[in-house]
Amino acid sequence: MSEEKRALRKVVRELKRQFTDVQLVEKSRPIMSQLLVHPAIAGAKTVLMYYSLADEVFTHEAIDKLREDGKTVLLPRVIDGENMEIRFYDKPEDLALGHYGIMEPTGKLFTDYAAIDVAVVPGMAFDGQGHRLGRGKGYYDRFLKKASRAYKIGVCFDFQKQEAIPTDANDVIMDYVI
C-alpha cells in the first residue's frame, strides 16, 4: 500500500470525525436523493448497494426504496480476507452482523455478475476522474472486475472529494461520482 494512500485515508478519517453519526445521516439525504433519480438507477433492474457503516453515506432507506420500486437489490458479504460474495436483499430482517462490524445479507447467493446493472460503491475518497480510494483491503476492486458490465456509481460526502487520488493498476474507475 502506498504511503500516499495511507496518508489520504488518515486525512479523510479525521474529516469524518468532525461530524456526529446523526449529522452524517443528514448529509447523506441529498446524496441518496440524487442517486435514486440517476438515469442508470431508473433504468436498472438489478442494483448492487452497500449497507452503510456509521461513517459512510447512509444507504439503509435508499435500499428499501429500491426494493419498493421493484428493483432486485444485492448486498456484499465479506467471506475472507480478500473476497466478498453477493447476496439478495429483501428486508432488514435478512441482515446479520458480519466481518468488520458490517450488517451483511443472509439471503440467497447471487452469482450472475453480468446481470448487475448498477453498482453503488462507497469509498474513503474520490476524484473528478472517477478514481476511488477504498479502505485498503481491495474487496471492491477485485469484485468490480468480475462485474465489469455494471455501471459504477461512487458515493461520498463533499469533503471526501479530492483533486486527485493516488492510483495503481488494480484500482477500478467509477463511471460517476455523487
C-alpha atoms as a PDB file:
ATOM      1  CA  MET A   1       0.000   0.000   0.000  1.00  0.00           C
ATOM      2  CA  SER A   2       1.382   3.354  -0.945  1.00  0.00           C
ATOM      3  CA  GLU A   3       2.219   5.942   1.680  1.00  0.00           C
ATOM      4  CA  GLU A   4       0.144   8.456  -0.309  1.00  0.00           C
ATOM      5  CA  LYS A   5      -2.971   6.304   0.003  1.00  0.00           C
ATOM      6  CA  ARG A   6      -2.359   5.641   3.698  1.00  0.00           C
ATOM      7  CA  ALA A   7      -1.922   9.363   4.373  1.00  0.00           C
ATOM      8  CA  LEU A   8      -5.079  10.304   2.462  1.00  0.00           C
ATOM      9  CA  ARG A   9      -7.117   7.700   4.363  1.00  0.00           C
ATOM     10  CA  LYS A  10      -5.902   9.248   7.615  1.00  0.00           C
ATOM     11  CA  VAL A  11      -6.902  12.753   6.456  1.00  0.00           C
ATOM     12  CA  VAL A  12     -10.379  11.582   5.441  1.00  0.00           C
ATOM     13  CA  ARG A  13     -10.895   9.720   8.743  1.00  0.00           C
ATOM     14  CA  GLU A  14     -10.074  12.978  10.568  1.00  0.00           C
ATOM     15  CA  LEU A  15     -12.548  14.906   8.386  1.00  0.00           C
ATOM     16  CA  LYS A  16     -15.273  12.354   9.146  1.00  0.00           C
ATOM     17  CA  ARG A  17     -14.674  12.722  12.890  1.00  0.00           C
ATOM     18  CA  GLN A  18     -15.834  16.358  12.709  1.00  0.00           C
ATOM     19  CA  PHE A  19     -19.395  15.114  12.319  1.00  0.00           C
ATOM     20  CA  THR A  20     -21.716  13.094  14.521  1.00  0.00           C
ATOM     21  CA  ASP A  21     -23.424   9.992  13.135  1.00  0.00           C
ATOM     22  CA  VAL A  22     -26.696  11.967  13.028  1.00  0.00           C
ATOM     23  CA  GLN A  23     -25.059  14.775  11.031  1.00  0.00           C
ATOM     24  CA  LEU A  24     -23.657  12.260   8.539  1.00  0.00           C
ATOM     25  CA  VAL A  25     -27.115  10.721   8.060  1.00  0.00           C
ATOM     26  CA  GLU A  26     -28.476  14.211   7.337  1.00  0.00           C
ATOM     27  CA  LYS A  27     -25.622  14.942   4.914  1.00  0.00           C
ATOM     28  CA  SER A  28     -26.469  11.640   3.192  1.00  0.00           C
ATOM     29  CA  ARG A  29     -30.058  12.530   2.315  1.00  0.00           C
ATOM     30  CA  PRO A  30     -29.326  14.804  -0.703  1.00  0.00           C
ATOM     31  CA  ILE A  31     -26.731  12.314  -1.959  1.00  0.00           C
ATOM     32  CA  MET A  32     -29.228   9.448  -1.843  1.00  0.00           C
ATOM     33  CA  SER A  33     -31.891  11.674  -3.430  1.00  0.00           C
ATOM     34  CA  GLN A  34     -29.529  12.268  -6.378  1.00  0.00           C
ATOM     35  CA  LEU A  35     -28.731   8.580  -6.569  1.00  0.00           C
ATOM     36  CA  LEU A  36     -32.364   7.473  -6.648  1.00  0.00           C
ATOM     37  CA  VAL A  37     -33.153   9.723  -9.648  1.00  0.00           C
ATOM     38  CA  HIS A  38     -29.964   8.945 -11.585  1.00  0.00           C
ATOM     39  CA  PRO A  39     -30.865   7.589 -15.052  1.00  0.00           C
ATOM     40  CA  ALA A  40     -28.736   4.464 -14.542  1.00  0.00           C
ATOM     41  CA  ILE A  41     -30.705   3.629 -11.380  1.00  0.00           C
ATOM     42  CA  ALA A  42     -34.039   4.447 -13.019  1.00  0.00           C
ATOM     43  CA  GLY A  43     -33.304   2.035 -15.873  1.00  0.00           C
ATOM     44  CA  ALA A  44     -31.749  -0.670 -13.709  1.00  0.00           C
ATOM     45  CA  LYS A  45     -33.351  -3.982 -12.834  1.00  0.00           C
ATOM     46  CA  THR A  46     -30.536  -5.190 -10.560  1.00  0.00           C
ATOM     47  CA  VAL A  47     -28.605  -2.868  -8.248  1.00  0.00           C
ATOM     48  CA  LEU A  48     -25.654  -3.727  -6.038  1.00  0.00           C
ATOM     49  CA  MET A  49     -25.757  -1.464  -2.988  1.00  0.00           C
ATOM     50  CA  TYR A  50     -23.822  -1.478   0.282  1.00  0.00           C
ATOM     51  CA  TYR A  51     -25.287  -1.396   3.776  1.00  0.00           C
ATOM     52  CA  SER A  52     -23.556   1.651   5.216  1.00  0.00           C
ATOM     53  CA  LEU A  53     -21.398   1.897   8.296  1.00  0.00           C
ATOM     54  CA  ALA A  54     -21.866   4.914  10.580  1.00  0.00           C
ATOM     55  CA  ASP A  55     -19.085   6.891   8.844  1.00  0.00           C
ATOM     56  CA  GLU A  56     -20.319   6.217   5.283  1.00  0.00           C
ATOM     57  CA  VAL A  57     -23.056   7.785   3.175  1.00  0.00           C
ATOM     58  CA  PHE A  58     -26.230   6.363   4.764  1.00  0.00           C
ATOM     59  CA  THR A  59     -27.895   3.885   2.392  1.00  0.00           C
ATOM     60  CA  HIS A  60     -30.420   1.996   4.551  1.00  0.00           C
ATOM     61  CA  GLU A  61     -33.514   3.954   3.473  1.00  0.00           C
ATOM     62  CA  ALA A  62     -32.454   4.051  -0.193  1.00  0.00           C
ATOM     63  CA  ILE A  63     -32.001   0.270  -0.206  1.00  0.00           C
ATOM     64  CA  ASP A  64     -35.567  -0.231   0.987  1.00  0.00           C
ATOM     65  CA  LYS A  65     -36.847   2.372  -1.502  1.00  0.00           C
ATOM     66  CA  LEU A  66     -35.184   0.491  -4.362  1.00  0.00           C
ATOM     67  CA  ARG A  67     -36.897  -2.727  -3.211  1.00  0.00           C
ATOM     68  CA  GLU A  68     -40.243  -0.892  -3.020  1.00  0.00           C
ATOM     69  CA  ASP A  69     -39.645   0.281  -6.585  1.00  0.00           C
ATOM     70  CA  GLY A  70     -39.337  -3.340  -7.687  1.00  0.00           C
ATOM     71  CA  LYS A  71     -35.569  -3.460  -8.148  1.00  0.00           C
ATOM     72  CA  THR A  72     -33.536  -6.539  -7.330  1.00  0.00           C
ATOM     73  CA  VAL A  73     -31.190  -5.326  -4.592  1.00  0.00           C
ATOM     74  CA  LEU A  74     -27.925  -7.072  -3.861  1.00  0.00           C
ATOM     75  CA  LEU A  75     -25.572  -6.526  -0.939  1.00  0.00           C
ATOM     76  CA  PRO A  76     -21.994  -7.703  -0.407  1.00  0.00           C
ATOM     77  CA  ARG A  77     -20.888 -10.111   2.282  1.00  0.00           C
ATOM     78  CA  VAL A  78     -17.231 -10.497   3.242  1.00  0.00           C
ATOM     79  CA  ILE A  79     -16.199 -14.155   3.077  1.00  0.00           C
ATOM     80  CA  ASP A  80     -12.474 -13.978   3.810  1.00  0.00           C
ATOM     81  CA  GLY A  81      -9.523 -11.588   3.923  1.00  0.00           C
ATOM     82  CA  GLU A  82      -9.677 -10.897   0.193  1.00  0.00           C
ATOM     83  CA  ASN A  83     -13.112 -11.658  -1.207  1.00  0.00           C
ATOM     84  CA  MET A  84     -16.747 -10.806  -0.887  1.00  0.00           C
ATOM     85  CA  GLU A  85     -19.788 -12.558  -2.234  1.00  0.00           C
ATOM     86  CA  ILE A  86     -23.072 -11.006  -3.278  1.00  0.00           C
ATOM     87  CA  ARG A  87     -26.439 -11.945  -1.826  1.00  0.00           C
ATOM     88  CA  PHE A  88     -30.042 -10.965  -2.466  1.00  0.00           C
ATOM     89  CA  TYR A  89     -31.625  -8.452  -0.065  1.00  0.00           C
ATOM     90  CA  ASP A  90     -35.357  -8.382   0.634  1.00  0.00           C
ATOM     91  CA  LYS A  91     -35.843  -6.760   4.046  1.00  0.00           C
ATOM     92  CA  PRO A  92     -33.836  -5.513   7.051  1.00  0.00           C
ATOM     93  CA  GLU A  93     -34.561  -8.746   8.935  1.00  0.00           C
ATOM     94  CA  ASP A  94     -32.394 -10.534   6.337  1.00  0.00           C
ATOM     95  CA  LEU A  95     -29.240  -8.895   7.745  1.00  0.00           C
ATOM     96  CA  ALA A  96     -26.794 -10.236  10.314  1.00  0.00           C
ATOM     97  CA  LEU A  97     -23.657  -8.778  11.864  1.00  0.00           C
ATOM     98  CA  GLY A  98     -20.654  -9.836   9.813  1.00  0.00           C
ATOM     99  CA  HIS A  99     -16.982  -9.026   9.338  1.00  0.00           C
ATOM    100  CA  TYR A 100     -15.725  -5.579  10.348  1.00  0.00           C
ATOM    101  CA  GLY A 101     -18.989  -4.862  12.203  1.00  0.00           C
ATOM    102  CA  ILE A 102     -20.912  -4.606   8.915  1.00  0.00           C
ATOM    103  CA  MET A 103     -24.524  -5.706   8.672  1.00  0.00           C
ATOM    104  CA  GLU A 104     -24.459  -8.295   5.912  1.00  0.00           C
ATOM    105  CA  PRO A 105     -27.155 -10.086   3.912  1.00  0.00           C
ATOM    106  CA  THR A 106     -28.205 -13.628   4.703  1.00  0.00           C
ATOM    107  CA  GLY A 107     -30.273 -14.024   1.527  1.00  0.00           C
ATOM    108  CA  LYS A 108     -29.612 -16.384  -1.355  1.00  0.00           C
ATOM    109  CA  LEU A 109     -26.210 -16.248  -3.067  1.00  0.00           C
ATOM    110  CA  PHE A 110     -26.094 -14.232  -6.325  1.00  0.00           C
ATOM    111  CA  THR A 111     -23.510 -15.209  -8.936  1.00  0.00           C
ATOM    112  CA  ASP A 112     -24.811 -13.796 -12.246  1.00  0.00           C
ATOM    113  CA  TYR A 113     -22.475 -10.801 -12.112  1.00  0.00           C
ATOM    114  CA  ALA A 114     -23.223  -9.841 -15.730  1.00  0.00           C
ATOM    115  CA  ALA A 115     -26.828  -9.148 -14.644  1.00  0.00           C
ATOM    116  CA  ILE A 116     -25.781  -6.350 -12.272  1.00  0.00           C
ATOM    117  CA  ASP A 117     -26.859  -3.120 -13.971  1.00  0.00           C
ATOM    118  CA  VAL A 118     -25.524  -0.660 -11.397  1.00  0.00           C
ATOM    119  CA  ALA A 119     -23.015  -0.998  -8.570  1.00  0.00           C
ATOM    120  CA  VAL A 120     -23.173   1.706  -5.896  1.00  0.00           C
ATOM    121  CA  VAL A 121     -19.768   1.837  -4.250  1.00  0.00           C
ATOM    122  CA  PRO A 122     -18.575   3.517  -1.048  1.00  0.00           C
ATOM    123  CA  GLY A 123     -15.106   4.974  -0.732  1.00  0.00           C
ATOM    124  CA  MET A 124     -12.801   6.939   1.517  1.00  0.00           C
ATOM    125  CA  ALA A 125     -12.302   9.493  -1.267  1.00  0.00           C
ATOM    126  CA  PHE A 126     -12.979  10.065  -4.960  1.00  0.00           C
ATOM    127  CA  ASP A 127     -11.688  12.486  -7.569  1.00  0.00           C
ATOM    128  CA  GLY A 128     -13.302  14.078 -10.614  1.00  0.00           C
ATOM    129  CA  GLN A 129     -11.946  11.385 -12.932  1.00  0.00           C
ATOM    130  CA  GLY A 130     -13.772   8.634 -11.036  1.00  0.00           C
ATOM    131  CA  HIS A 131     -10.726   7.335  -9.189  1.00  0.00           C
ATOM    132  CA  ARG A 132     -11.631   5.804  -5.822  1.00  0.00           C
ATOM    133  CA  LEU A 133      -9.695   5.339  -2.622  1.00  0.00           C
ATOM    134  CA  GLY A 134     -11.143   2.441  -0.633  1.00  0.00           C
ATOM    135  CA  ARG A 135     -10.365   1.298   2.879  1.00  0.00           C
ATOM    136  CA  GLY A 136      -7.300  -0.565   1.660  1.00  0.00           C
ATOM    137  CA  LYS A 137      -8.363  -4.204   1.500  1.00  0.00           C
ATOM    138  CA  GLY A 138      -9.239  -4.247  -2.226  1.00  0.00           C
ATOM    139  CA  TYR A 139     -12.613  -6.010  -1.864  1.00  0.00           C
ATOM    140  CA  TYR A 140     -14.489  -3.759  -4.279  1.00  0.00           C
ATOM    141  CA  ASP A 141     -11.679  -3.522  -6.826  1.00  0.00           C
ATOM    142  CA  ARG A 142     -11.445  -7.323  -7.028  1.00  0.00           C
ATOM    143  CA  PHE A 143     -15.216  -7.769  -7.185  1.00  0.00           C
ATOM    144  CA  LEU A 144     -15.913  -4.994  -9.701  1.00  0.00           C
ATOM    145  CA  LYS A 145     -13.536  -6.630 -12.182  1.00  0.00           C
ATOM    146  CA  LYS A 146     -15.907  -9.639 -12.139  1.00  0.00           C
ATOM    147  CA  ALA A 147     -18.969  -7.383 -12.570  1.00  0.00           C
ATOM    148  CA  SER A 148     -17.342  -5.326 -15.305  1.00  0.00           C
ATOM    149  CA  ARG A 149     -20.604  -4.658 -17.191  1.00  0.00           C
ATOM    150  CA  ALA A 150     -22.136  -2.811 -14.209  1.00  0.00           C
ATOM    151  CA  TYR A 151     -22.344   0.981 -14.305  1.00  0.00           C
ATOM    152  CA  LYS A 152     -20.314   2.035 -11.265  1.00  0.00           C
ATOM    153  CA  ILE A 153     -21.506   4.940  -9.108  1.00  0.00           C
ATOM    154  CA  GLY A 154     -19.271   6.099  -6.268  1.00  0.00           C
ATOM    155  CA  VAL A 155     -20.959   7.883  -3.386  1.00  0.00           C
ATOM    156  CA  CYS A 156     -19.309  10.131  -0.833  1.00  0.00           C
ATOM    157  CA  PHE A 157     -19.686  13.309   1.158  1.00  0.00           C
ATOM    158  CA  ASP A 158     -18.420  16.538  -0.434  1.00  0.00           C
ATOM    159  CA  PHE A 159     -15.492  16.669   1.988  1.00  0.00           C
ATOM    160  CA  GLN A 160     -14.331  13.292   0.616  1.00  0.00           C
ATOM    161  CA  LYS A 161     -13.931  14.641  -2.917  1.00  0.00           C
ATOM    162  CA  GLN A 162     -10.284  15.235  -3.701  1.00  0.00           C
ATOM    163  CA  GLU A 163      -8.388  16.904  -6.532  1.00  0.00           C
ATOM    164  CA  ALA A 164      -6.574  13.650  -7.326  1.00  0.00           C
ATOM    165  CA  ILE A 165      -6.481  10.149  -5.875  1.00  0.00           C
ATOM    166  CA  PRO A 166      -3.259   8.112  -5.944  1.00  0.00           C
ATOM    167  CA  THR A 167      -3.955   5.054  -8.093  1.00  0.00           C
ATOM    168  CA  ASP A 168      -2.389   1.800  -9.159  1.00  0.00           C
ATOM    169  CA  ALA A 169      -3.154  -0.855 -11.783  1.00  0.00           C
ATOM    170  CA  ASN A 170      -5.647  -2.710  -9.546  1.00  0.00           C
ATOM    171  CA  ASP A 171      -7.946   0.276  -8.980  1.00  0.00           C
ATOM    172  CA  VAL A 172     -11.329   0.235 -10.738  1.00  0.00           C
ATOM    173  CA  ILE A 173     -12.566   3.606 -12.003  1.00  0.00           C
ATOM    174  CA  MET A 174     -16.128   4.732 -11.302  1.00  0.00           C
ATOM    175  CA  ASP A 175     -18.393   5.822 -14.144  1.00  0.00           C
ATOM    176  CA  TYR A 176     -19.955   8.544 -11.998  1.00  0.00           C
ATOM    177  CA  VAL A 177     -19.452  10.019  -8.523  1.00  0.00           C
ATOM    178  CA  ILE A 178     -22.150  11.645  -6.389  1.00  0.00           C
END
